[in-house]
Structure formats: structure tokens, C-alpha cells
């Protein structure tokens, strides 16, 4: 790996100025668990690394009942899944952040970095999609907001322009009578890349008998993590049931466009999409039931 300049600014303004000055020869980083590997292997060529972990706005983790969860792009995964409010209100985020690498990696790795890495198999991204998360991006020209489902543009590519950085991720407050779940399939028990990952969220009517909103997102089955809008929308107005979830799972399978590689074939991944989507929807329903004062039995 060639020599690199390293900077650790203490303010957002300084970081933006450094990135704007160097353009595409500089890169911001938080944990560095992916970027440093690419640099060592020669798959990335840069002159300057800008460490974001000393900037207060990027290390903020806060919750407001009206605004929701603000997650700074440099907050380590372990701080997320250990936070009591996150565990209580955003369990799908705990599902995914507790799966990113091993315990040692989770002390450095961040959701912001996982998102910017834009791997089709990124574990945090389907969870963020089904929770309706958005990204706040800043640069010399100002700031902008992008829905998470529009952030990744290809394998390893995202919507950030040279000189921009991801400031934070915003997740709306949990929906009343709502629940979300993330599941993945891997060959080993830990520190592996998802063969398929599925996130699902559901919100029910006041009588808990009708689905009023649902979202389904897939990982590792397309060039980017994929929000399958049609599959989620197909559930709206229906009674939560095994049949309804099965129909949505079939639609999710039909929307997937996986490849064959060393981790699995196209047919294998398509089968996993259907199985995991059905299970993720059932898991989201179980969380709705767990969050509801009135527990009921559903036909699945």
C-alpha cells in the first residue's frame, strides 16, 4: 500500500473543506473496515484519508418521539445495538448491526460505512429501507437528503459526489402497531457475507386485523440492495395470514435478479428469497404482537 496522508478534523466544516480541496483523491472514513482492505489490496487509489470519528455531529445517536432516531454516520455498530432505546424501538436495526462482522469489528464498523460501501449484501441496508430511513449528505455546495433506497447506485457505488460525505441517517419514529425484522442466510455462524438478506416491516390497523402498510427489502440478490415496493404494497388492506405472506414472498422472489457465485446459484438464492421473506414477515408480525397490549392469534 502506498503512503497516504491522514487527517482527523474536529469539525464538519474542516472535513468538508479537506474533501472539497482534494476531490476524488480523498475519501472520508469512519471505521475503515472495508476501505482499508481495498487500499491494501490495490482496489482503491487515494492520496488522503479523512477520519470522521472526532466530529461531534457524526458520532451522535439520539432519539426524539416526534423526529425519530438520528444516527451519526460514524457511530459504531456496538453503540447502536447496545443502546436501550434502539433495542426497544428499532429491533430490526439490532438484527442487522449485530451481524456485521464479529465483535471486534463491530467496535469500529459503522452503519454509515456499511451504507457507503454499497455492497449488495450489506446487512444494515434492507433494515434501513423497510424502516423508511433517509440519508443527510453534506458538501461544499450545501446539504441534501436522499432516501436509503436511492443511495446505492451499483456494486460499491453510491450517490455521493466528490467532496461530499454522509453526515447522518434518520429513521422515523416506529409506527403504531408496527414491527420490523431482518434475517439473512449464511453458510457459517458468524463473520460471513449474506447469501440472501431480507428485511420486512408491517403496521396494523387499530383492531390488529388489517395491514395498513408493509415494506420488503432484499440483499445480495441484485446489483444493489433492493426495495420491493410491489410486494409490500400487495399486503396493504389484507388480513395478516400465512397465505398473504406467501403471496408477497412469491412476488419478492420474482423481483430478485441474483447471480451465481461461490456462495450460491441463482435458483438457490431465489428459493431463499421466498423462504426468508415469509419468515421475516412472520417475525415482524410477532414483534407487532409483542408490542401490542392486546395479544391475538393469527392464521399463520
C-alpha atoms as a PDB file:
ATOM      1  CA  UNK A   1       0.000   0.000   0.000  1.00  0.00           C
ATOM      2  CA  UNK A   2       1.438   3.381  -0.988  1.00  0.00           C
ATOM      3  CA  UNK A   3       1.926   6.153   1.624  1.00  0.00           C
ATOM      4  CA  UNK A   4      -1.222   8.167   2.367  1.00  0.00           C
ATOM      5  CA  UNK A   5      -1.949  11.436   4.072  1.00  0.00           C
ATOM      6  CA  UNK A   6      -4.188  11.158   7.107  1.00  0.00           C
ATOM      7  CA  UNK A   7      -6.319  13.890   8.678  1.00  0.00           C
ATOM      8  CA  UNK A   8      -8.658  13.782  11.673  1.00  0.00           C
ATOM      9  CA  UNK A   9     -10.578  17.083  11.666  1.00  0.00           C
ATOM     10  CA  UNK A  10     -12.561  18.100  14.725  1.00  0.00           C
ATOM     11  CA  UNK A  11     -15.302  19.948  12.851  1.00  0.00           C
ATOM     12  CA  UNK A  12     -17.649  19.216   9.991  1.00  0.00           C
ATOM     13  CA  UNK A  13     -16.564  22.407   8.230  1.00  0.00           C
ATOM     14  CA  UNK A  14     -12.898  21.348   8.215  1.00  0.00           C
ATOM     15  CA  UNK A  15     -13.758  17.870   6.916  1.00  0.00           C
ATOM     16  CA  UNK A  16     -15.870  19.287   4.074  1.00  0.00           C
ATOM     17  CA  UNK A  17     -13.079  21.734   3.153  1.00  0.00           C
ATOM     18  CA  UNK A  18     -10.470  18.952   3.034  1.00  0.00           C
ATOM     19  CA  UNK A  19     -12.642  16.756   0.853  1.00  0.00           C
ATOM     20  CA  UNK A  20     -13.561  19.617  -1.477  1.00  0.00           C
ATOM     21  CA  UNK A  21      -9.879  20.527  -1.878  1.00  0.00           C
ATOM     22  CA  UNK A  22      -8.808  17.005  -2.911  1.00  0.00           C
ATOM     23  CA  UNK A  23     -11.950  15.906  -4.784  1.00  0.00           C
ATOM     24  CA  UNK A  24     -11.870  12.259  -5.835  1.00  0.00           C
ATOM     25  CA  UNK A  25      -8.331  11.798  -4.448  1.00  0.00           C
ATOM     26  CA  UNK A  26      -9.684  11.998  -0.866  1.00  0.00           C
ATOM     27  CA  UNK A  27     -12.093   9.762   0.941  1.00  0.00           C
ATOM     28  CA  UNK A  28     -13.867  10.115   4.279  1.00  0.00           C
ATOM     29  CA  UNK A  29     -13.923   7.099   6.556  1.00  0.00           C
ATOM     30  CA  UNK A  30     -15.318   6.125   9.940  1.00  0.00           C
ATOM     31  CA  UNK A  31     -14.387   2.560  10.902  1.00  0.00           C
ATOM     32  CA  UNK A  32     -12.307   1.857   7.803  1.00  0.00           C
ATOM     33  CA  UNK A  33     -13.081  -1.868   7.965  1.00  0.00           C
ATOM     34  CA  UNK A  34     -13.810  -2.020   4.219  1.00  0.00           C
ATOM     35  CA  UNK A  35     -11.843   0.940   2.847  1.00  0.00           C
ATOM     36  CA  UNK A  36      -8.513  -0.055   4.397  1.00  0.00           C
ATOM     37  CA  UNK A  37      -8.831  -3.564   2.984  1.00  0.00           C
ATOM     38  CA  UNK A  38      -9.416  -2.140  -0.503  1.00  0.00           C
ATOM     39  CA  UNK A  39      -6.426   0.158  -0.157  1.00  0.00           C
ATOM     40  CA  UNK A  40      -4.111  -2.664   0.934  1.00  0.00           C
ATOM     41  CA  UNK A  41      -5.240  -4.848  -1.957  1.00  0.00           C
ATOM     42  CA  UNK A  42      -4.802  -2.066  -4.513  1.00  0.00           C
ATOM     43  CA  UNK A  43      -8.513  -1.891  -5.339  1.00  0.00           C
ATOM     44  CA  UNK A  44      -8.621   1.768  -4.216  1.00  0.00           C
ATOM     45  CA  UNK A  45      -6.149   4.541  -5.016  1.00  0.00           C
ATOM     46  CA  UNK A  46      -6.253   7.675  -2.838  1.00  0.00           C
ATOM     47  CA  UNK A  47      -3.997  10.441  -1.560  1.00  0.00           C
ATOM     48  CA  UNK A  48      -5.860  11.485   1.613  1.00  0.00           C
ATOM     49  CA  UNK A  49      -7.962   9.739   4.253  1.00  0.00           C
ATOM     50  CA  UNK A  50     -10.237  11.960   6.343  1.00  0.00           C
ATOM     51  CA  UNK A  51     -11.154  10.342   9.668  1.00  0.00           C
ATOM     52  CA  UNK A  52     -14.648  11.375  10.795  1.00  0.00           C
ATOM     53  CA  UNK A  53     -14.718   9.961  14.317  1.00  0.00           C
ATOM     54  CA  UNK A  54     -13.707  13.226  16.044  1.00  0.00           C
ATOM     55  CA  UNK A  55     -16.596  15.219  14.578  1.00  0.00           C
ATOM     56  CA  UNK A  56     -19.460  15.512  17.112  1.00  0.00           C
ATOM     57  CA  UNK A  57     -22.270  15.580  14.534  1.00  0.00           C
ATOM     58  CA  UNK A  58     -21.112  12.268  13.080  1.00  0.00           C
ATOM     59  CA  UNK A  59     -20.927  10.465  16.419  1.00  0.00           C
ATOM     60  CA  UNK A  60     -24.413  11.486  17.598  1.00  0.00           C
ATOM     61  CA  UNK A  61     -27.005   8.864  18.474  1.00  0.00           C
ATOM     62  CA  UNK A  62     -30.254  10.421  19.690  1.00  0.00           C
ATOM     63  CA  UNK A  63     -33.959   9.681  19.733  1.00  0.00           C
ATOM     64  CA  UNK A  64     -36.903  12.063  19.766  1.00  0.00           C
ATOM     65  CA  UNK A  65     -40.501  10.745  19.892  1.00  0.00           C
ATOM     66  CA  UNK A  66     -41.548  13.217  17.193  1.00  0.00           C
ATOM     67  CA  UNK A  67     -38.488  13.233  14.924  1.00  0.00           C
ATOM     68  CA  UNK A  68     -37.289   9.662  15.405  1.00  0.00           C
ATOM     69  CA  UNK A  69     -33.746   8.292  15.538  1.00  0.00           C
ATOM     70  CA  UNK A  70     -30.731  10.293  14.360  1.00  0.00           C
ATOM     71  CA  UNK A  71     -27.751   8.076  13.745  1.00  0.00           C
ATOM     72  CA  UNK A  72     -24.442   9.771  13.022  1.00  0.00           C
ATOM     73  CA  UNK A  73     -22.551   8.137  10.175  1.00  0.00           C
ATOM     74  CA  UNK A  74     -19.556   7.385  12.440  1.00  0.00           C
ATOM     75  CA  UNK A  75     -21.441   5.703  15.323  1.00  0.00           C
ATOM     76  CA  UNK A  76     -20.005   2.171  15.820  1.00  0.00           C
ATOM     77  CA  UNK A  77     -22.354  -0.774  15.435  1.00  0.00           C
ATOM     78  CA  UNK A  78     -21.822  -1.866  19.053  1.00  0.00           C
ATOM     79  CA  UNK A  79     -23.095   1.501  20.340  1.00  0.00           C
ATOM     80  CA  UNK A  80     -26.244   1.017  18.297  1.00  0.00           C
ATOM     81  CA  UNK A  81     -27.228  -2.472  19.359  1.00  0.00           C
ATOM     82  CA  UNK A  82     -26.283  -1.787  22.991  1.00  0.00           C
ATOM     83  CA  UNK A  83     -28.458   1.353  23.220  1.00  0.00           C
ATOM     84  CA  UNK A  84     -31.624   0.640  25.291  1.00  0.00           C
ATOM     85  CA  UNK A  85     -33.899   2.865  23.181  1.00  0.00           C
ATOM     86  CA  UNK A  86     -32.684   1.338  19.930  1.00  0.00           C
ATOM     87  CA  UNK A  87     -33.198  -2.157  21.305  1.00  0.00           C
ATOM     88  CA  UNK A  88     -36.723  -1.299  22.432  1.00  0.00           C
ATOM     89  CA  UNK A  89     -37.886   0.750  19.428  1.00  0.00           C
ATOM     90  CA  UNK A  90     -35.790  -0.406  16.463  1.00  0.00           C
ATOM     91  CA  UNK A  91     -35.114  -4.137  16.934  1.00  0.00           C
ATOM     92  CA  UNK A  92     -34.636  -4.680  13.177  1.00  0.00           C
ATOM     93  CA  UNK A  93     -31.646  -2.345  13.375  1.00  0.00           C
ATOM     94  CA  UNK A  94     -30.292  -4.511  16.193  1.00  0.00           C
ATOM     95  CA  UNK A  95     -30.871  -7.578  13.986  1.00  0.00           C
ATOM     96  CA  UNK A  96     -28.575  -6.194  11.303  1.00  0.00           C
ATOM     97  CA  UNK A  97     -25.905  -4.294  13.266  1.00  0.00           C
ATOM     98  CA  UNK A  98     -25.220  -7.308  15.462  1.00  0.00           C
ATOM     99  CA  UNK A  99     -24.429  -9.341  12.321  1.00  0.00           C
ATOM    100  CA  UNK A 100     -21.845  -7.042  10.716  1.00  0.00           C
ATOM    101  CA  UNK A 101     -18.547  -8.873  11.221  1.00  0.00           C
ATOM    102  CA  UNK A 102     -17.513 -10.144  14.631  1.00  0.00           C
ATOM    103  CA  UNK A 103     -17.497  -8.367  17.988  1.00  0.00           C
ATOM    104  CA  UNK A 104     -14.097  -6.755  17.401  1.00  0.00           C
ATOM    105  CA  UNK A 105     -15.172  -5.394  14.022  1.00  0.00           C
ATOM    106  CA  UNK A 106     -18.432  -4.075  15.478  1.00  0.00           C
ATOM    107  CA  UNK A 107     -16.406  -1.802  17.745  1.00  0.00           C
ATOM    108  CA  UNK A 108     -15.132   0.027  14.635  1.00  0.00           C
ATOM    109  CA  UNK A 109     -17.606  -0.674  11.829  1.00  0.00           C
ATOM    110  CA  UNK A 110     -20.484   1.763  11.332  1.00  0.00           C
ATOM    111  CA  UNK A 111     -23.875   1.708   9.654  1.00  0.00           C
ATOM    112  CA  UNK A 112     -22.773   4.792   7.719  1.00  0.00           C
ATOM    113  CA  UNK A 113     -19.763   2.923   6.398  1.00  0.00           C
ATOM    114  CA  UNK A 114     -21.815  -0.184   5.615  1.00  0.00           C
ATOM    115  CA  UNK A 115     -24.162   2.003   3.599  1.00  0.00           C
ATOM    116  CA  UNK A 116     -21.405   3.942   1.796  1.00  0.00           C
ATOM    117  CA  UNK A 117     -19.622   0.696   0.953  1.00  0.00           C
ATOM    118  CA  UNK A 118     -22.742  -0.095  -1.101  1.00  0.00           C
ATOM    119  CA  UNK A 119     -22.202  -3.850  -1.147  1.00  0.00           C
ATOM    120  CA  UNK A 120     -25.309  -5.638  -2.486  1.00  0.00           C
ATOM    121  CA  UNK A 121     -25.081  -7.883   0.599  1.00  0.00           C
ATOM    122  CA  UNK A 122     -24.770  -5.045   3.156  1.00  0.00           C
ATOM    123  CA  UNK A 123     -26.705  -6.208   6.224  1.00  0.00           C
ATOM    124  CA  UNK A 124     -27.826  -2.816   7.519  1.00  0.00           C
ATOM    125  CA  UNK A 125     -29.322  -1.584   4.247  1.00  0.00           C
ATOM    126  CA  UNK A 126     -32.501  -3.727   3.954  1.00  0.00           C
ATOM    127  CA  UNK A 127     -33.339  -2.894   7.593  1.00  0.00           C
ATOM    128  CA  UNK A 128     -32.935   0.821   6.935  1.00  0.00           C
ATOM    129  CA  UNK A 129     -35.083   0.580   3.809  1.00  0.00           C
ATOM    130  CA  UNK A 130     -38.039  -1.104   5.484  1.00  0.00           C
ATOM    131  CA  UNK A 131     -37.925   1.434   8.334  1.00  0.00           C
ATOM    132  CA  UNK A 132     -38.147   4.324   5.856  1.00  0.00           C
ATOM    133  CA  UNK A 133     -34.693   5.742   6.632  1.00  0.00           C
ATOM    134  CA  UNK A 134     -33.104   8.676   4.811  1.00  0.00           C
ATOM    135  CA  UNK A 135     -29.528   9.968   4.459  1.00  0.00           C
ATOM    136  CA  UNK A 136     -28.335  13.501   5.109  1.00  0.00           C
ATOM    137  CA  UNK A 137     -25.411  14.333   2.842  1.00  0.00           C
ATOM    138  CA  UNK A 138     -23.195  17.411   3.187  1.00  0.00           C
ATOM    139  CA  UNK A 139     -20.583  19.007   0.956  1.00  0.00           C
ATOM    140  CA  UNK A 140     -19.174  22.353  -0.067  1.00  0.00           C
ATOM    141  CA  UNK A 141     -22.363  23.112  -2.048  1.00  0.00           C
ATOM    142  CA  UNK A 142     -24.640  22.512   0.949  1.00  0.00           C
ATOM    143  CA  UNK A 143     -26.706  19.577   2.171  1.00  0.00           C
ATOM    144  CA  UNK A 144     -29.293  17.254   0.683  1.00  0.00           C
ATOM    145  CA  UNK A 145     -31.466  14.343   1.807  1.00  0.00           C
ATOM    146  CA  UNK A 146     -31.676  11.033  -0.066  1.00  0.00           C
ATOM    147  CA  UNK A 147     -33.899   8.031   0.799  1.00  0.00           C
ATOM    148  CA  UNK A 148     -31.787   4.993   1.657  1.00  0.00           C
ATOM    149  CA  UNK A 149     -33.339   3.032  -1.220  1.00  0.00           C
ATOM    150  CA  UNK A 150     -31.855   5.591  -3.658  1.00  0.00           C
ATOM    151  CA  UNK A 151     -28.404   5.867  -2.033  1.00  0.00           C
ATOM    152  CA  UNK A 152     -26.656   2.834  -3.567  1.00  0.00           C
ATOM    153  CA  UNK A 153     -26.236   3.110  -7.348  1.00  0.00           C
ATOM    154  CA  UNK A 154     -24.247  -0.062  -8.100  1.00  0.00           C
ATOM    155  CA  UNK A 155     -21.888  -2.583  -6.508  1.00  0.00           C
ATOM    156  CA  UNK A 156     -19.507  -0.461  -4.434  1.00  0.00           C
ATOM    157  CA  UNK A 157     -21.008   2.777  -5.795  1.00  0.00           C
ATOM    158  CA  UNK A 158     -23.251   5.348  -4.142  1.00  0.00           C
ATOM    159  CA  UNK A 159     -24.782   8.745  -4.784  1.00  0.00           C
ATOM    160  CA  UNK A 160     -22.018  10.731  -3.007  1.00  0.00           C
ATOM    161  CA  UNK A 161     -20.243  13.225  -5.252  1.00  0.00           C
ATOM    162  CA  UNK A 162     -16.515  14.018  -4.859  1.00  0.00           C
ATOM    163  CA  UNK A 163     -16.127  16.233  -1.789  1.00  0.00           C
ATOM    164  CA  UNK A 164     -19.360  15.044  -0.147  1.00  0.00           C
ATOM    165  CA  UNK A 165     -19.808  12.910   2.951  1.00  0.00           C
ATOM    166  CA  UNK A 166     -22.649  11.115   4.664  1.00  0.00           C
ATOM    167  CA  UNK A 167     -23.466  13.089   7.808  1.00  0.00           C
ATOM    168  CA  UNK A 168     -26.254  11.032   9.384  1.00  0.00           C
ATOM    169  CA  UNK A 169     -29.061   8.577   8.886  1.00  0.00           C
ATOM    170  CA  UNK A 170     -32.566   9.462  10.044  1.00  0.00           C
ATOM    171  CA  UNK A 171     -35.153   6.800  10.894  1.00  0.00           C
ATOM    172  CA  UNK A 172     -38.753   7.916  11.573  1.00  0.00           C
ATOM    173  CA  UNK A 173     -40.449   7.004  14.865  1.00  0.00           C
ATOM    174  CA  UNK A 174     -41.834   3.450  14.919  1.00  0.00           C
ATOM    175  CA  UNK A 175     -45.340   3.198  13.516  1.00  0.00           C
ATOM    176  CA  UNK A 176     -48.169   2.448  15.939  1.00  0.00           C
ATOM    177  CA  UNK A 177     -48.876  -1.277  15.968  1.00  0.00           C
ATOM    178  CA  UNK A 178     -45.807  -1.790  13.801  1.00  0.00           C
ATOM    179  CA  UNK A 179     -42.892  -4.203  13.739  1.00  0.00           C
ATOM    180  CA  UNK A 180     -39.852  -4.998  11.601  1.00  0.00           C
ATOM    181  CA  UNK A 181     -37.410  -7.884  11.214  1.00  0.00           C
ATOM    182  CA  UNK A 182     -34.173  -8.622   9.356  1.00  0.00           C
ATOM    183  CA  UNK A 183     -32.993 -12.128   8.530  1.00  0.00           C
ATOM    184  CA  UNK A 184     -30.123 -13.458   6.453  1.00  0.00           C
ATOM    185  CA  UNK A 185     -28.797 -16.826   5.362  1.00  0.00           C
ATOM    186  CA  UNK A 186     -25.067 -17.545   5.659  1.00  0.00           C
ATOM    187  CA  UNK A 187     -23.036 -20.766   5.342  1.00  0.00           C
ATOM    188  CA  UNK A 188     -21.262 -20.186   8.678  1.00  0.00           C
ATOM    189  CA  UNK A 189     -22.491 -18.952  12.038  1.00  0.00           C
ATOM    190  CA  UNK A 190     -20.650 -15.617  12.078  1.00  0.00           C
ATOM    191  CA  UNK A 191     -18.391 -13.220  10.165  1.00  0.00           C
ATOM    192  CA  UNK A 192     -19.787 -14.296   6.803  1.00  0.00           C
ATOM    193  CA  UNK A 193     -21.391 -12.493   3.874  1.00  0.00           C
ATOM    194  CA  UNK A 194     -25.110 -12.963   3.325  1.00  0.00           C
ATOM    195  CA  UNK A 195     -26.147 -15.326   0.566  1.00  0.00           C
ATOM    196  CA  UNK A 196     -29.538 -13.602   0.854  1.00  0.00           C
ATOM    197  CA  UNK A 197     -30.780 -11.000   3.327  1.00  0.00           C
ATOM    198  CA  UNK A 198     -34.392  -9.879   3.793  1.00  0.00           C
ATOM    199  CA  UNK A 199     -35.908  -7.029   5.785  1.00  0.00           C
ATOM    200  CA  UNK A 200     -39.645  -6.664   6.351  1.00  0.00           C
ATOM    201  CA  UNK A 201     -41.873  -4.230   8.216  1.00  0.00           C
ATOM    202  CA  UNK A 202     -45.608  -4.268   8.919  1.00  0.00           C
ATOM    203  CA  UNK A 203     -48.085  -1.907  10.581  1.00  0.00           C
ATOM    204  CA  UNK A 204     -51.629  -2.916  11.507  1.00  0.00           C
ATOM    205  CA  UNK A 205     -54.972  -1.183  11.960  1.00  0.00           C
ATOM    206  CA  UNK A 206     -56.266  -0.349  15.443  1.00  0.00           C
ATOM    207  CA  UNK A 207     -58.151  -3.635  15.683  1.00  0.00           C
ATOM    208  CA  UNK A 208     -54.982  -5.515  14.613  1.00  0.00           C
ATOM    209  CA  UNK A 209     -56.899  -7.284  11.858  1.00  0.00           C
ATOM    210  CA  UNK A 210     -55.748  -5.398   8.748  1.00  0.00           C
ATOM    211  CA  UNK A 211     -52.348  -4.456   7.347  1.00  0.00           C
ATOM    212  CA  UNK A 212     -52.132  -0.697   6.727  1.00  0.00           C
ATOM    213  CA  UNK A 213     -48.535  -0.575   5.477  1.00  0.00           C
ATOM    214  CA  UNK A 214     -45.727  -3.003   4.677  1.00  0.00           C
ATOM    215  CA  UNK A 215     -42.246  -2.837   3.157  1.00  0.00           C
ATOM    216  CA  UNK A 216     -39.925  -5.607   1.976  1.00  0.00           C
ATOM    217  CA  UNK A 217     -36.236  -5.200   1.050  1.00  0.00           C
ATOM    218  CA  UNK A 218     -33.724  -7.719  -0.261  1.00  0.00           C
ATOM    219  CA  UNK A 219     -29.952  -8.002  -0.041  1.00  0.00           C
ATOM    220  CA  UNK A 220     -27.440  -9.968  -2.150  1.00  0.00           C
ATOM    221  CA  UNK A 221     -29.887 -10.651  -4.998  1.00  0.00           C
ATOM    222  CA  UNK A 222     -29.360  -7.613  -7.263  1.00  0.00           C
ATOM    223  CA  UNK A 223     -26.595  -5.100  -8.120  1.00  0.00           C
ATOM    224  CA  UNK A 224     -27.816  -3.019  -5.168  1.00  0.00           C
ATOM    225  CA  UNK A 225     -29.929  -3.772  -2.096  1.00  0.00           C
ATOM    226  CA  UNK A 226     -33.488  -3.785  -3.405  1.00  0.00           C
ATOM    227  CA  UNK A 227     -36.706  -2.303  -2.006  1.00  0.00           C
ATOM    228  CA  UNK A 228     -39.509  -4.450  -3.436  1.00  0.00           C
ATOM    229  CA  UNK A 229     -42.334  -1.928  -3.290  1.00  0.00           C
ATOM    230  CA  UNK A 230     -44.915  -4.068  -5.084  1.00  0.00           C
ATOM    231  CA  UNK A 231     -44.500  -6.984  -2.686  1.00  0.00           C
ATOM    232  CA  UNK A 232     -45.027  -4.744   0.340  1.00  0.00           C
ATOM    233  CA  UNK A 233     -47.944  -2.882  -1.208  1.00  0.00           C
ATOM    234  CA  UNK A 234     -49.647  -6.181  -2.057  1.00  0.00           C
ATOM    235  CA  UNK A 235     -50.202  -6.751   1.661  1.00  0.00           C
ATOM    236  CA  UNK A 236     -51.989  -3.453   2.344  1.00  0.00           C
ATOM    237  CA  UNK A 237     -55.640  -3.973   3.229  1.00  0.00           C
ATOM    238  CA  UNK A 238     -55.242  -7.703   3.810  1.00  0.00           C
ATOM    239  CA  UNK A 239     -55.599  -9.704   6.990  1.00  0.00           C
ATOM    240  CA  UNK A 240     -52.161 -10.904   8.145  1.00  0.00           C
ATOM    241  CA  UNK A 241     -52.062 -14.595   7.303  1.00  0.00           C
ATOM    242  CA  UNK A 242     -49.801 -17.329   6.001  1.00  0.00           C
ATOM    243  CA  UNK A 243     -51.418 -17.057   2.565  1.00  0.00           C
ATOM    244  CA  UNK A 244     -50.937 -13.288   2.348  1.00  0.00           C
ATOM    245  CA  UNK A 245     -47.303 -13.555   3.416  1.00  0.00           C
ATOM    246  CA  UNK A 246     -46.740 -16.390   0.967  1.00  0.00           C
ATOM    247  CA  UNK A 247     -48.091 -14.309  -1.937  1.00  0.00           C
ATOM    248  CA  UNK A 248     -45.836 -11.379  -1.003  1.00  0.00           C
ATOM    249  CA  UNK A 249     -42.876 -13.738  -0.694  1.00  0.00           C
ATOM    250  CA  UNK A 250     -43.524 -15.073  -4.196  1.00  0.00           C
ATOM    251  CA  UNK A 251     -43.594 -11.513  -5.553  1.00  0.00           C
ATOM    252  CA  UNK A 252     -40.301 -10.789  -3.792  1.00  0.00           C
ATOM    253  CA  UNK A 253     -38.778 -13.889  -5.356  1.00  0.00           C
ATOM    254  CA  UNK A 254     -39.911 -12.773  -8.818  1.00  0.00           C
ATOM    255  CA  UNK A 255     -38.371  -9.326  -8.284  1.00  0.00           C
ATOM    256  CA  UNK A 256     -34.938 -10.702  -7.349  1.00  0.00           C
ATOM    257  CA  UNK A 257     -32.254 -10.869 -10.039  1.00  0.00           C
ATOM    258  CA  UNK A 258     -29.378 -12.737  -8.369  1.00  0.00           C
ATOM    259  CA  UNK A 259     -26.217 -14.153  -9.890  1.00  0.00           C
ATOM    260  CA  UNK A 260     -24.499 -17.497  -9.433  1.00  0.00           C
ATOM    261  CA  UNK A 261     -21.235 -17.328  -7.493  1.00  0.00           C
ATOM    262  CA  UNK A 262     -19.258 -19.369  -4.992  1.00  0.00           C
ATOM    263  CA  UNK A 263     -21.876 -18.711  -2.291  1.00  0.00           C
ATOM    264  CA  UNK A 264     -24.902 -19.926  -4.212  1.00  0.00           C
ATOM    265  CA  UNK A 265     -26.697 -20.378  -7.515  1.00  0.00           C
ATOM    266  CA  UNK A 266     -29.455 -18.229  -8.965  1.00  0.00           C
ATOM    267  CA  UNK A 267     -32.085 -20.873  -8.191  1.00  0.00           C
ATOM    268  CA  UNK A 268     -30.799 -21.309  -4.647  1.00  0.00           C
ATOM    269  CA  UNK A 269     -30.944 -17.577  -3.969  1.00  0.00           C
ATOM    270  CA  UNK A 270     -34.427 -17.261  -5.459  1.00  0.00           C
ATOM    271  CA  UNK A 271     -35.629 -20.044  -3.185  1.00  0.00           C
ATOM    272  CA  UNK A 272     -34.031 -18.356  -0.170  1.00  0.00           C
ATOM    273  CA  UNK A 273     -35.714 -15.037  -1.015  1.00  0.00           C
ATOM    274  CA  UNK A 274     -39.127 -16.652  -0.810  1.00  0.00           C
ATOM    275  CA  UNK A 275     -38.375 -18.546   2.409  1.00  0.00           C
ATOM    276  CA  UNK A 276     -36.721 -15.625   4.211  1.00  0.00           C
ATOM    277  CA  UNK A 277     -39.351 -13.092   3.109  1.00  0.00           C
ATOM    278  CA  UNK A 278     -42.114 -15.216   4.563  1.00  0.00           C
ATOM    279  CA  UNK A 279     -40.148 -15.696   7.797  1.00  0.00           C
ATOM    280  CA  UNK A 280     -39.244 -12.005   8.057  1.00  0.00           C
ATOM    281  CA  UNK A 281     -42.902 -11.017   7.652  1.00  0.00           C
ATOM    282  CA  UNK A 282     -43.863 -13.527  10.331  1.00  0.00           C
ATOM    283  CA  UNK A 283     -41.101 -12.152  12.571  1.00  0.00           C
ATOM    284  CA  UNK A 284     -42.343  -8.596  12.022  1.00  0.00           C
ATOM    285  CA  UNK A 285     -45.854  -9.756  12.965  1.00  0.00           C
ATOM    286  CA  UNK A 286     -44.554 -11.374  16.139  1.00  0.00           C
ATOM    287  CA  UNK A 287     -42.998  -8.058  17.101  1.00  0.00           C
ATOM    288  CA  UNK A 288     -46.296  -6.285  16.460  1.00  0.00           C
ATOM    289  CA  UNK A 289     -47.950  -8.770  18.785  1.00  0.00           C
ATOM    290  CA  UNK A 290     -45.216  -8.327  21.358  1.00  0.00           C
ATOM    291  CA  UNK A 291     -45.607  -4.538  21.235  1.00  0.00           C
ATOM    292  CA  UNK A 292     -49.401  -4.644  21.449  1.00  0.00           C
ATOM    293  CA  UNK A 293     -51.247  -4.716  24.761  1.00  0.00           C
ATOM    294  CA  UNK A 294     -53.887  -6.899  23.192  1.00  0.00           C
ATOM    295  CA  UNK A 295     -52.351 -10.186  22.032  1.00  0.00           C
ATOM    296  CA  UNK A 296     -54.199 -12.121  19.331  1.00  0.00           C
ATOM    297  CA  UNK A 297     -53.624 -15.301  17.379  1.00  0.00           C
ATOM    298  CA  UNK A 298     -53.211 -15.043  13.599  1.00  0.00           C
ATOM    299  CA  UNK A 299     -53.705 -17.648  10.937  1.00  0.00           C
ATOM    300  CA  UNK A 300     -50.110 -18.446  10.087  1.00  0.00           C
END
